[in-house]
Amino acid sequence: MNSKKTLLILAGGLGSRYKGLKQIDGILDNGSPILEYSIYDALRAGFSKVVIIVNRRIPESYIERLNTISQKEQFELHWVYQEKESFLHQDYDSSGREKPWGTGHAVLCAKSVIQEPFVMINADDFYGKEVYQLASEEIDRHISESQFGMVAYPVASTLSGNGNVARGICDLDADNYLIKVDEQTSIRRKGNSIVYTDNGNDIEIAPDTLVSMNFFIFHPSVFIGLESYFYDFIHSDPEPSDEFYVPVAVQRMIDEKGTKVLVKISPSQWMGVTYADDKSSIKDFLASEIAKNRYPEDLWN
């Protein structure tokens, strides 16, 4: 059994569609954003350390809030800034770059503070209570240098009524190991169907098709691959809007290193905030969870 388990939260994105710092936007009157529900669930599943990747726009007041919570709840907390210059060679000119380098670079920025198995999540996704217990058990049983894990969700449960969503469609072998993730950015409901557009054609997919929601379970050896592949990405002379993504790096590890990624179907309901209008749906959902006594009204009191 691994004595230490870490939750890595990616909260450094700019949230262009949401138009704001949705990662720290309180949902209910208790002021807790989605990431605090994730921390709450992870702590109760045996995680004892939290690392949060942020950008320089995060208010100091929120850092102080969560520092106070970590002291009260007695978990280890690290803040890591995703700096544009991190892991770049000194002579690399990044002056034309405005966006962060992507999720792969964000995870890489945590290399110096994570030496144990960890779960990686998005700050603005609610993954559900049971999924953290599942991840904790996977860390104890299966996670190693040669095997990672991922929790996937049926695509029908991950859509927004306010626009297209980007999801990674999972292709699995007979033993539920990941073969590849096919990233699609235009998944949506069309009548009674779920479709995405490819080369101008709408492709229908089944409601129970599994998709990645960036819930990965990693061994710290993942940093070796991420660093190597990020250098490859930089040397490829990327466009200012190109990003280095975690699923792309994981795919290379599968194809080139023989890394296995065991995919589990989530036992929990996913909820997320892609667009500002999505907030009302997750607000109603969390209120119903509180009414079922699955969460206290105030997480930390």
C-alpha atoms as a PDB file:
ATOM      1  CA  MET A   1       0.000   0.000   0.000  1.00  0.00           C
ATOM      2  CA  ASN A   2       1.291   3.481  -0.867  1.00  0.00           C
ATOM      3  CA  SER A   3       1.401   5.562   2.306  1.00  0.00           C
ATOM      4  CA  LYS A   4       1.274   8.877   0.455  1.00  0.00           C
ATOM      5  CA  LYS A   5      -1.115   9.726  -2.350  1.00  0.00           C
ATOM      6  CA  THR A   6      -1.225  13.102  -4.057  1.00  0.00           C
ATOM      7  CA  LEU A   7      -3.991  14.986  -5.838  1.00  0.00           C
ATOM      8  CA  LEU A   8      -2.672  17.228  -8.621  1.00  0.00           C
ATOM      9  CA  ILE A   9      -5.182  19.881  -9.685  1.00  0.00           C
ATOM     10  CA  LEU A  10      -4.734  21.756 -12.967  1.00  0.00           C
ATOM     11  CA  ALA A  11      -6.066  25.263 -12.354  1.00  0.00           C
ATOM     12  CA  GLY A  12      -3.825  27.328 -14.604  1.00  0.00           C
ATOM     13  CA  GLY A  13      -6.015  27.656 -17.702  1.00  0.00           C
ATOM     14  CA  LEU A  14      -7.449  30.984 -18.747  1.00  0.00           C
ATOM     15  CA  GLY A  15     -11.034  29.766 -19.253  1.00  0.00           C
ATOM     16  CA  SER A  16     -11.650  31.578 -22.546  1.00  0.00           C
ATOM     17  CA  ARG A  17     -15.164  30.203 -23.088  1.00  0.00           C
ATOM     18  CA  TYR A  18     -16.190  30.727 -19.476  1.00  0.00           C
ATOM     19  CA  LYS A  19     -14.798  34.290 -19.454  1.00  0.00           C
ATOM     20  CA  GLY A  20     -13.291  34.257 -15.989  1.00  0.00           C
ATOM     21  CA  LEU A  21     -11.327  32.427 -13.317  1.00  0.00           C
ATOM     22  CA  LYS A  22     -13.858  29.605 -13.080  1.00  0.00           C
ATOM     23  CA  GLN A  23     -11.365  27.445 -11.156  1.00  0.00           C
ATOM     24  CA  ILE A  24     -11.973  29.482  -7.988  1.00  0.00           C
ATOM     25  CA  ASP A  25     -15.565  30.544  -8.620  1.00  0.00           C
ATOM     26  CA  GLY A  26     -17.707  29.535  -5.638  1.00  0.00           C
ATOM     27  CA  ILE A  27     -20.750  27.471  -6.587  1.00  0.00           C
ATOM     28  CA  LEU A  28     -23.006  27.639  -3.532  1.00  0.00           C
ATOM     29  CA  ASP A  29     -23.306  30.077  -0.619  1.00  0.00           C
ATOM     30  CA  ASN A  30     -20.463  28.259   1.164  1.00  0.00           C
ATOM     31  CA  GLY A  31     -18.025  29.840  -1.313  1.00  0.00           C
ATOM     32  CA  SER A  32     -16.349  26.555  -2.254  1.00  0.00           C
ATOM     33  CA  PRO A  33     -15.394  26.152  -5.922  1.00  0.00           C
ATOM     34  CA  ILE A  34     -15.478  22.734  -7.566  1.00  0.00           C
ATOM     35  CA  LEU A  35     -11.833  22.044  -6.758  1.00  0.00           C
ATOM     36  CA  GLU A  36     -12.599  22.114  -3.031  1.00  0.00           C
ATOM     37  CA  TYR A  37     -15.179  19.357  -3.484  1.00  0.00           C
ATOM     38  CA  SER A  38     -12.468  17.353  -5.240  1.00  0.00           C
ATOM     39  CA  ILE A  39     -10.065  17.951  -2.353  1.00  0.00           C
ATOM     40  CA  TYR A  40     -12.772  17.015   0.164  1.00  0.00           C
ATOM     41  CA  ASP A  41     -13.474  13.730  -1.642  1.00  0.00           C
ATOM     42  CA  ALA A  42      -9.790  12.895  -2.121  1.00  0.00           C
ATOM     43  CA  LEU A  43      -8.935  13.452   1.555  1.00  0.00           C
ATOM     44  CA  ARG A  44     -11.654  11.037   2.572  1.00  0.00           C
ATOM     45  CA  ALA A  45     -10.298   8.450   0.135  1.00  0.00           C
ATOM     46  CA  GLY A  46      -6.848   8.481   1.730  1.00  0.00           C
ATOM     47  CA  PHE A  47      -5.039  11.248  -0.125  1.00  0.00           C
ATOM     48  CA  SER A  48      -2.898  13.440   2.112  1.00  0.00           C
ATOM     49  CA  LYS A  49      -1.189  15.876  -0.257  1.00  0.00           C
ATOM     50  CA  VAL A  50      -2.585  18.407  -2.728  1.00  0.00           C
ATOM     51  CA  VAL A  51      -0.638  20.213  -5.461  1.00  0.00           C
ATOM     52  CA  ILE A  52      -2.374  22.979  -7.395  1.00  0.00           C
ATOM     53  CA  ILE A  53      -1.056  24.357 -10.685  1.00  0.00           C
ATOM     54  CA  VAL A  54      -2.082  28.005 -11.061  1.00  0.00           C
ATOM     55  CA  ASN A  55      -1.274  31.128 -13.058  1.00  0.00           C
ATOM     56  CA  ARG A  56      -0.312  34.545 -11.724  1.00  0.00           C
ATOM     57  CA  ARG A  57      -3.886  35.824 -12.016  1.00  0.00           C
ATOM     58  CA  ILE A  58      -5.099  33.823  -9.022  1.00  0.00           C
ATOM     59  CA  PRO A  59      -6.035  36.198  -6.176  1.00  0.00           C
ATOM     60  CA  GLU A  60      -3.898  36.107  -3.051  1.00  0.00           C
ATOM     61  CA  SER A  61      -7.125  35.996  -1.039  1.00  0.00           C
ATOM     62  CA  TYR A  62      -7.962  32.571  -2.458  1.00  0.00           C
ATOM     63  CA  ILE A  63      -4.471  31.254  -1.749  1.00  0.00           C
ATOM     64  CA  GLU A  64      -4.874  32.394   1.841  1.00  0.00           C
ATOM     65  CA  ARG A  65      -8.308  30.756   2.044  1.00  0.00           C
ATOM     66  CA  LEU A  66      -7.046  27.348   0.961  1.00  0.00           C
ATOM     67  CA  ASN A  67      -3.873  27.615   3.053  1.00  0.00           C
ATOM     68  CA  THR A  68      -6.102  28.099   6.085  1.00  0.00           C
ATOM     69  CA  ILE A  69      -8.215  25.089   5.090  1.00  0.00           C
ATOM     70  CA  SER A  70      -5.105  22.911   4.660  1.00  0.00           C
ATOM     71  CA  GLN A  71      -3.883  23.812   8.135  1.00  0.00           C
ATOM     72  CA  LYS A  72      -7.284  23.060   9.649  1.00  0.00           C
ATOM     73  CA  GLU A  73      -7.727  19.774   7.773  1.00  0.00           C
ATOM     74  CA  GLN A  74      -4.040  18.848   8.146  1.00  0.00           C
ATOM     75  CA  PHE A  75      -3.152  18.031   4.560  1.00  0.00           C
ATOM     76  CA  GLU A  76       0.019  19.005   2.727  1.00  0.00           C
ATOM     77  CA  LEU A  77      -0.587  21.777   0.193  1.00  0.00           C
ATOM     78  CA  HIS A  78       1.706  23.086  -2.539  1.00  0.00           C
ATOM     79  CA  TRP A  79       1.062  25.937  -4.983  1.00  0.00           C
ATOM     80  CA  VAL A  80       2.950  25.719  -8.280  1.00  0.00           C
ATOM     81  CA  TYR A  81       2.881  28.464 -10.886  1.00  0.00           C
ATOM     82  CA  GLN A  82       2.814  27.385 -14.514  1.00  0.00           C
ATOM     83  CA  GLU A  83       5.373  29.857 -15.782  1.00  0.00           C
ATOM     84  CA  LYS A  84       5.805  30.256 -19.510  1.00  0.00           C
ATOM     85  CA  GLU A  85       9.583  29.933 -19.111  1.00  0.00           C
ATOM     86  CA  SER A  86       9.543  26.717 -17.063  1.00  0.00           C
ATOM     87  CA  PHE A  87      11.486  23.870 -18.716  1.00  0.00           C
ATOM     88  CA  LEU A  88      12.568  26.063 -21.620  1.00  0.00           C
ATOM     89  CA  HIS A  89      16.172  26.425 -22.680  1.00  0.00           C
ATOM     90  CA  GLN A  90      17.622  29.810 -21.765  1.00  0.00           C
ATOM     91  CA  ASP A  91      18.017  30.855 -25.401  1.00  0.00           C
ATOM     92  CA  TYR A  92      14.421  29.993 -26.358  1.00  0.00           C
ATOM     93  CA  ASP A  93      12.388  33.085 -27.289  1.00  0.00           C
ATOM     94  CA  SER A  94       8.851  32.743 -25.890  1.00  0.00           C
ATOM     95  CA  SER A  95       8.007  36.452 -26.114  1.00  0.00           C
ATOM     96  CA  GLY A  96       5.298  35.822 -28.742  1.00  0.00           C
ATOM     97  CA  ARG A  97       3.527  33.314 -26.549  1.00  0.00           C
ATOM     98  CA  GLU A  98       0.402  34.416 -24.662  1.00  0.00           C
ATOM     99  CA  LYS A  99      -1.361  31.141 -23.763  1.00  0.00           C
ATOM    100  CA  PRO A 100       0.050  28.559 -21.341  1.00  0.00           C
ATOM    101  CA  TRP A 101       1.903  25.653 -22.960  1.00  0.00           C
ATOM    102  CA  GLY A 102      -0.922  23.202 -22.207  1.00  0.00           C
ATOM    103  CA  THR A 103      -1.812  20.484 -19.724  1.00  0.00           C
ATOM    104  CA  GLY A 104       1.310  18.402 -20.356  1.00  0.00           C
ATOM    105  CA  HIS A 105       3.509  21.337 -19.433  1.00  0.00           C
ATOM    106  CA  ALA A 106       1.289  22.103 -16.419  1.00  0.00           C
ATOM    107  CA  VAL A 107       1.839  18.616 -15.010  1.00  0.00           C
ATOM    108  CA  LEU A 108       5.558  18.845 -15.742  1.00  0.00           C
ATOM    109  CA  CYS A 109       5.749  22.016 -13.631  1.00  0.00           C
ATOM    110  CA  ALA A 110       4.888  19.865 -10.579  1.00  0.00           C
ATOM    111  CA  LYS A 111       7.903  17.587 -11.069  1.00  0.00           C
ATOM    112  CA  SER A 112       9.899  19.044  -8.168  1.00  0.00           C
ATOM    113  CA  VAL A 113       7.132  18.570  -5.584  1.00  0.00           C
ATOM    114  CA  ILE A 114       5.722  15.130  -6.477  1.00  0.00           C
ATOM    115  CA  GLN A 115       7.691  11.943  -5.817  1.00  0.00           C
ATOM    116  CA  GLU A 116       4.762   9.586  -5.208  1.00  0.00           C
ATOM    117  CA  PRO A 117       1.817   8.190  -7.210  1.00  0.00           C
ATOM    118  CA  PHE A 118      -0.749  10.859  -7.955  1.00  0.00           C
ATOM    119  CA  VAL A 119      -4.106  11.577  -9.519  1.00  0.00           C
ATOM    120  CA  MET A 120      -4.329  14.401 -12.050  1.00  0.00           C
ATOM    121  CA  ILE A 121      -7.624  16.271 -12.478  1.00  0.00           C
ATOM    122  CA  ASN A 122      -9.034  19.492 -13.914  1.00  0.00           C
ATOM    123  CA  ALA A 123      -9.974  22.129 -11.355  1.00  0.00           C
ATOM    124  CA  ASP A 124     -13.298  22.883 -13.020  1.00  0.00           C
ATOM    125  CA  ASP A 125     -14.563  19.285 -13.280  1.00  0.00           C
ATOM    126  CA  PHE A 126     -16.593  17.558 -10.573  1.00  0.00           C
ATOM    127  CA  TYR A 127     -15.671  13.873 -10.803  1.00  0.00           C
ATOM    128  CA  GLY A 128     -17.693  12.411  -7.926  1.00  0.00           C
ATOM    129  CA  LYS A 129     -17.008  10.983  -4.508  1.00  0.00           C
ATOM    130  CA  GLU A 130     -16.585   7.316  -5.413  1.00  0.00           C
ATOM    131  CA  VAL A 131     -13.998   7.891  -8.132  1.00  0.00           C
ATOM    132  CA  TYR A 132     -11.341   8.942  -5.625  1.00  0.00           C
ATOM    133  CA  GLN A 133     -11.790   5.744  -3.637  1.00  0.00           C
ATOM    134  CA  LEU A 134     -11.410   3.803  -6.889  1.00  0.00           C
ATOM    135  CA  ALA A 135      -8.231   5.745  -7.703  1.00  0.00           C
ATOM    136  CA  SER A 136      -6.814   5.148  -4.225  1.00  0.00           C
ATOM    137  CA  GLU A 137      -7.327   1.407  -4.637  1.00  0.00           C
ATOM    138  CA  GLU A 138      -5.697   1.478  -8.081  1.00  0.00           C
ATOM    139  CA  ILE A 139      -2.632   3.205  -6.640  1.00  0.00           C
ATOM    140  CA  ASP A 140      -2.339   0.498  -3.984  1.00  0.00           C
ATOM    141  CA  ARG A 141      -2.785  -2.393  -6.425  1.00  0.00           C
ATOM    142  CA  HIS A 142      -1.643  -1.557  -9.921  1.00  0.00           C
ATOM    143  CA  ILE A 143       0.127   1.763 -10.477  1.00  0.00           C
ATOM    144  CA  SER A 144       3.819   1.377 -11.372  1.00  0.00           C
ATOM    145  CA  GLU A 145       6.458   2.688 -13.757  1.00  0.00           C
ATOM    146  CA  SER A 146       4.963   0.504 -16.486  1.00  0.00           C
ATOM    147  CA  GLN A 147       1.256   0.887 -15.697  1.00  0.00           C
ATOM    148  CA  PHE A 148      -0.827   4.001 -15.221  1.00  0.00           C
ATOM    149  CA  GLY A 149      -4.579   4.368 -14.847  1.00  0.00           C
ATOM    150  CA  MET A 150      -7.413   6.450 -16.174  1.00  0.00           C
ATOM    151  CA  VAL A 151     -11.051   6.847 -15.180  1.00  0.00           C
ATOM    152  CA  ALA A 152     -13.407   7.386 -18.115  1.00  0.00           C
ATOM    153  CA  TYR A 153     -17.034   8.477 -18.317  1.00  0.00           C
ATOM    154  CA  PRO A 154     -19.878   7.671 -20.748  1.00  0.00           C
ATOM    155  CA  VAL A 155     -19.992  10.535 -23.213  1.00  0.00           C
ATOM    156  CA  ALA A 156     -23.720  11.116 -22.680  1.00  0.00           C
ATOM    157  CA  SER A 157     -23.038  12.153 -19.076  1.00  0.00           C
ATOM    158  CA  THR A 158     -20.404  14.733 -20.038  1.00  0.00           C
ATOM    159  CA  LEU A 159     -22.210  17.014 -22.479  1.00  0.00           C
ATOM    160  CA  SER A 160     -23.173  20.661 -22.069  1.00  0.00           C
ATOM    161  CA  GLY A 161     -26.477  22.116 -23.117  1.00  0.00           C
ATOM    162  CA  ASN A 162     -24.711  25.379 -23.908  1.00  0.00           C
ATOM    163  CA  GLY A 163     -22.372  24.413 -26.739  1.00  0.00           C
ATOM    164  CA  ASN A 164     -19.860  21.941 -28.116  1.00  0.00           C
ATOM    165  CA  VAL A 165     -17.439  20.137 -25.818  1.00  0.00           C
ATOM    166  CA  ALA A 166     -13.996  18.655 -26.416  1.00  0.00           C
ATOM    167  CA  ARG A 167     -13.610  15.047 -25.317  1.00  0.00           C
ATOM    168  CA  GLY A 168     -11.095  12.274 -25.872  1.00  0.00           C
ATOM    169  CA  ILE A 169     -12.889   9.198 -27.252  1.00  0.00           C
ATOM    170  CA  CYS A 170     -11.259   6.075 -25.789  1.00  0.00           C
ATOM    171  CA  ASP A 171     -10.348   3.015 -27.837  1.00  0.00           C
ATOM    172  CA  LEU A 172      -9.756   0.032 -25.524  1.00  0.00           C
ATOM    173  CA  ASP A 173      -8.529  -3.515 -25.972  1.00  0.00           C
ATOM    174  CA  ALA A 174     -10.363  -6.582 -24.641  1.00  0.00           C
ATOM    175  CA  ASP A 175      -8.766  -6.151 -21.192  1.00  0.00           C
ATOM    176  CA  ASN A 176      -9.739  -2.469 -20.898  1.00  0.00           C
ATOM    177  CA  TYR A 177      -6.257  -1.153 -21.563  1.00  0.00           C
ATOM    178  CA  LEU A 178      -6.071   2.058 -23.535  1.00  0.00           C
ATOM    179  CA  ILE A 179      -5.101   1.748 -27.204  1.00  0.00           C
ATOM    180  CA  LYS A 180      -5.572   5.389 -28.107  1.00  0.00           C
ATOM    181  CA  VAL A 181      -7.511   8.548 -27.329  1.00  0.00           C
ATOM    182  CA  ASP A 182      -9.138  10.319 -30.262  1.00  0.00           C
ATOM    183  CA  GLU A 183      -9.547  14.002 -29.363  1.00  0.00           C
ATOM    184  CA  GLN A 184     -12.710  15.557 -30.775  1.00  0.00           C
ATOM    185  CA  THR A 185     -13.609  19.203 -30.165  1.00  0.00           C
ATOM    186  CA  SER A 186     -17.172  19.394 -31.513  1.00  0.00           C
ATOM    187  CA  ILE A 187     -19.104  16.766 -29.544  1.00  0.00           C
ATOM    188  CA  ARG A 188     -22.735  17.744 -29.021  1.00  0.00           C
ATOM    189  CA  ARG A 189     -26.325  16.572 -29.051  1.00  0.00           C
ATOM    190  CA  LYS A 190     -28.110  16.713 -32.381  1.00  0.00           C
ATOM    191  CA  GLY A 191     -31.739  15.762 -31.980  1.00  0.00           C
ATOM    192  CA  ASN A 192     -31.755  12.387 -30.231  1.00  0.00           C
ATOM    193  CA  SER A 193     -28.178  11.605 -31.240  1.00  0.00           C
ATOM    194  CA  ILE A 194     -24.679  12.515 -30.070  1.00  0.00           C
ATOM    195  CA  VAL A 195     -22.341  13.565 -32.856  1.00  0.00           C
ATOM    196  CA  TYR A 196     -19.046  15.231 -33.659  1.00  0.00           C
ATOM    197  CA  THR A 197     -17.951  16.800 -36.930  1.00  0.00           C
ATOM    198  CA  ASP A 198     -15.030  15.379 -38.894  1.00  0.00           C
ATOM    199  CA  ASN A 199     -14.049  16.754 -42.306  1.00  0.00           C
ATOM    200  CA  GLY A 200     -17.446  18.404 -42.606  1.00  0.00           C
ATOM    201  CA  ASN A 201     -19.389  15.228 -41.793  1.00  0.00           C
ATOM    202  CA  ASP A 202     -21.343  14.533 -38.606  1.00  0.00           C
ATOM    203  CA  ILE A 203     -20.239  11.244 -37.011  1.00  0.00           C
ATOM    204  CA  GLU A 204     -22.673   9.646 -34.574  1.00  0.00           C
ATOM    205  CA  ILE A 205     -21.363   7.985 -31.415  1.00  0.00           C
ATOM    206  CA  ALA A 206     -23.157   5.785 -28.903  1.00  0.00           C
ATOM    207  CA  PRO A 207     -24.206   7.382 -25.574  1.00  0.00           C
ATOM    208  CA  ASP A 208     -22.125   4.861 -23.584  1.00  0.00           C
ATOM    209  CA  THR A 209     -18.924   5.572 -25.529  1.00  0.00           C
ATOM    210  CA  LEU A 210     -16.181   6.147 -22.964  1.00  0.00           C
ATOM    211  CA  VAL A 211     -14.364   9.469 -23.016  1.00  0.00           C
ATOM    212  CA  SER A 212     -11.410  10.848 -21.111  1.00  0.00           C
ATOM    213  CA  MET A 213     -12.111  13.734 -18.744  1.00  0.00           C
ATOM    214  CA  ASN A 214      -8.457  14.200 -17.755  1.00  0.00           C
ATOM    215  CA  PHE A 215      -8.686  11.951 -14.692  1.00  0.00           C
ATOM    216  CA  PHE A 216      -5.356  10.130 -14.851  1.00  0.00           C
ATOM    217  CA  ILE A 217      -3.605   8.044 -12.210  1.00  0.00           C
ATOM    218  CA  PHE A 218       0.151   8.370 -12.617  1.00  0.00           C
ATOM    219  CA  HIS A 219       3.376   6.964 -11.255  1.00  0.00           C
ATOM    220  CA  PRO A 220       5.974   9.759 -10.802  1.00  0.00           C
ATOM    221  CA  SER A 221       8.001   8.202 -13.632  1.00  0.00           C
ATOM    222  CA  VAL A 222       5.557   9.988 -15.961  1.00  0.00           C
ATOM    223  CA  PHE A 223       7.651  13.139 -15.517  1.00  0.00           C
ATOM    224  CA  ILE A 224      10.522  11.561 -17.474  1.00  0.00           C
ATOM    225  CA  GLY A 225       8.348  11.123 -20.540  1.00  0.00           C
ATOM    226  CA  LEU A 226       6.650  14.497 -20.168  1.00  0.00           C
ATOM    227  CA  GLU A 227       9.956  16.346 -20.027  1.00  0.00           C
ATOM    228  CA  SER A 228      11.368  14.541 -23.056  1.00  0.00           C
ATOM    229  CA  TYR A 229       8.231  15.040 -25.119  1.00  0.00           C
ATOM    230  CA  PHE A 230       7.902  18.686 -24.136  1.00  0.00           C
ATOM    231  CA  TYR A 231      11.380  19.331 -25.498  1.00  0.00           C
ATOM    232  CA  ASP A 232      10.331  17.602 -28.719  1.00  0.00           C
ATOM    233  CA  PHE A 233       7.249  19.817 -28.836  1.00  0.00           C
ATOM    234  CA  ILE A 234       9.297  22.990 -28.379  1.00  0.00           C
ATOM    235  CA  HIS A 235      11.827  21.933 -31.034  1.00  0.00           C
ATOM    236  CA  SER A 236       8.971  21.347 -33.514  1.00  0.00           C
ATOM    237  CA  ASP A 237       8.547  25.144 -33.743  1.00  0.00           C
ATOM    238  CA  PRO A 238       4.903  25.221 -32.543  1.00  0.00           C
ATOM    239  CA  GLU A 239       2.462  27.932 -33.513  1.00  0.00           C
ATOM    240  CA  PRO A 240       1.635  30.503 -30.770  1.00  0.00           C
ATOM    241  CA  SER A 241      -1.698  28.774 -30.125  1.00  0.00           C
ATOM    242  CA  ASP A 242      -0.386  25.166 -30.114  1.00  0.00           C
ATOM    243  CA  GLU A 243      -0.412  23.333 -26.790  1.00  0.00           C
ATOM    244  CA  PHE A 244       1.330  20.272 -25.344  1.00  0.00           C
ATOM    245  CA  TYR A 245      -1.402  17.979 -23.995  1.00  0.00           C
ATOM    246  CA  VAL A 246      -1.267  15.165 -21.442  1.00  0.00           C
ATOM    247  CA  PRO A 247      -3.206  12.650 -23.615  1.00  0.00           C
ATOM    248  CA  VAL A 248      -0.765  13.166 -26.499  1.00  0.00           C
ATOM    249  CA  ALA A 249       2.191  12.456 -24.209  1.00  0.00           C
ATOM    250  CA  VAL A 250       0.462   9.385 -22.744  1.00  0.00           C
ATOM    251  CA  GLN A 251      -0.205   8.114 -26.259  1.00  0.00           C
ATOM    252  CA  ARG A 252       3.511   8.318 -27.051  1.00  0.00           C
ATOM    253  CA  MET A 253       4.325   6.410 -23.871  1.00  0.00           C
ATOM    254  CA  ILE A 254       1.903   3.676 -24.930  1.00  0.00           C
ATOM    255  CA  ASP A 255       3.243   3.524 -28.491  1.00  0.00           C
ATOM    256  CA  GLU A 256       6.961   3.947 -27.813  1.00  0.00           C
ATOM    257  CA  LYS A 257       7.552   2.643 -24.291  1.00  0.00           C
ATOM    258  CA  GLY A 258       4.863  -0.030 -24.014  1.00  0.00           C
ATOM    259  CA  THR A 259       3.294   1.746 -21.041  1.00  0.00           C
ATOM    260  CA  LYS A 260      -0.073   0.298 -20.092  1.00  0.00           C
ATOM    261  CA  VAL A 261      -3.017   2.453 -19.074  1.00  0.00           C
ATOM    262  CA  LEU A 262      -5.843   0.551 -17.403  1.00  0.00           C
ATOM    263  CA  VAL A 263      -9.173   2.287 -17.947  1.00  0.00           C
ATOM    264  CA  LYS A 264     -11.906   2.092 -15.328  1.00  0.00           C
ATOM    265  CA  ILE A 265     -15.493   3.250 -15.836  1.00  0.00           C
ATOM    266  CA  SER A 266     -16.406   5.910 -13.312  1.00  0.00           C
ATOM    267  CA  PRO A 267     -18.930   4.884 -10.671  1.00  0.00           C
ATOM    268  CA  SER A 268     -19.704   8.583 -10.119  1.00  0.00           C
ATOM    269  CA  GLN A 269     -21.611  11.314 -11.904  1.00  0.00           C
ATOM    270  CA  TRP A 270     -19.459  13.875 -13.731  1.00  0.00           C
ATOM    271  CA  MET A 271     -20.394  17.551 -13.782  1.00  0.00           C
ATOM    272  CA  GLY A 272     -18.437  20.436 -15.247  1.00  0.00           C
ATOM    273  CA  VAL A 273     -18.372  24.092 -16.131  1.00  0.00           C
ATOM    274  CA  THR A 274     -17.281  24.689 -19.705  1.00  0.00           C
ATOM    275  CA  TYR A 275     -19.533  27.711 -20.257  1.00  0.00           C
ATOM    276  CA  ALA A 276     -20.771  30.316 -17.782  1.00  0.00           C
ATOM    277  CA  ASP A 277     -24.345  29.076 -18.219  1.00  0.00           C
ATOM    278  CA  ASP A 278     -23.280  25.606 -17.035  1.00  0.00           C
ATOM    279  CA  LYS A 279     -22.934  26.953 -13.505  1.00  0.00           C
ATOM    280  CA  SER A 280     -26.662  26.729 -12.747  1.00  0.00           C
ATOM    281  CA  SER A 281     -26.702  22.990 -13.531  1.00  0.00           C
ATOM    282  CA  ILE A 282     -23.851  22.126 -11.194  1.00  0.00           C
ATOM    283  CA  LYS A 283     -25.295  24.417  -8.539  1.00  0.00           C
ATOM    284  CA  ASP A 284     -28.546  22.420  -8.599  1.00  0.00           C
ATOM    285  CA  PHE A 285     -26.607  19.162  -8.622  1.00  0.00           C
ATOM    286  CA  LEU A 286     -24.505  20.035  -5.577  1.00  0.00           C
ATOM    287  CA  ALA A 287     -27.587  21.239  -3.728  1.00  0.00           C
ATOM    288  CA  SER A 288     -29.192  17.846  -4.340  1.00  0.00           C
ATOM    289  CA  GLU A 289     -26.025  16.058  -3.122  1.00  0.00           C
ATOM    290  CA  ILE A 290     -26.156  18.089   0.090  1.00  0.00           C
ATOM    291  CA  ALA A 291     -29.842  17.239   0.495  1.00  0.00           C
ATOM    292  CA  LYS A 292     -28.873  13.541   0.245  1.00  0.00           C
ATOM    293  CA  ASN A 293     -26.290  14.079   3.034  1.00  0.00           C
ATOM    294  CA  ARG A 294     -23.429  13.244   0.688  1.00  0.00           C
ATOM    295  CA  TYR A 295     -21.790  16.580   1.527  1.00  0.00           C
ATOM    296  CA  PRO A 296     -22.192  19.015   4.408  1.00  0.00           C
ATOM    297  CA  GLU A 297     -23.553  22.448   3.575  1.00  0.00           C
ATOM    298  CA  ASP A 298     -20.176  23.922   4.467  1.00  0.00           C
ATOM    299  CA  LEU A 299     -17.352  21.571   3.492  1.00  0.00           C
ATOM    300  CA  TRP A 300     -14.885  22.737   6.114  1.00  0.00           C
ATOM    301  CA  ASN A 301     -17.031  23.441   9.198  1.00  0.00           C
END
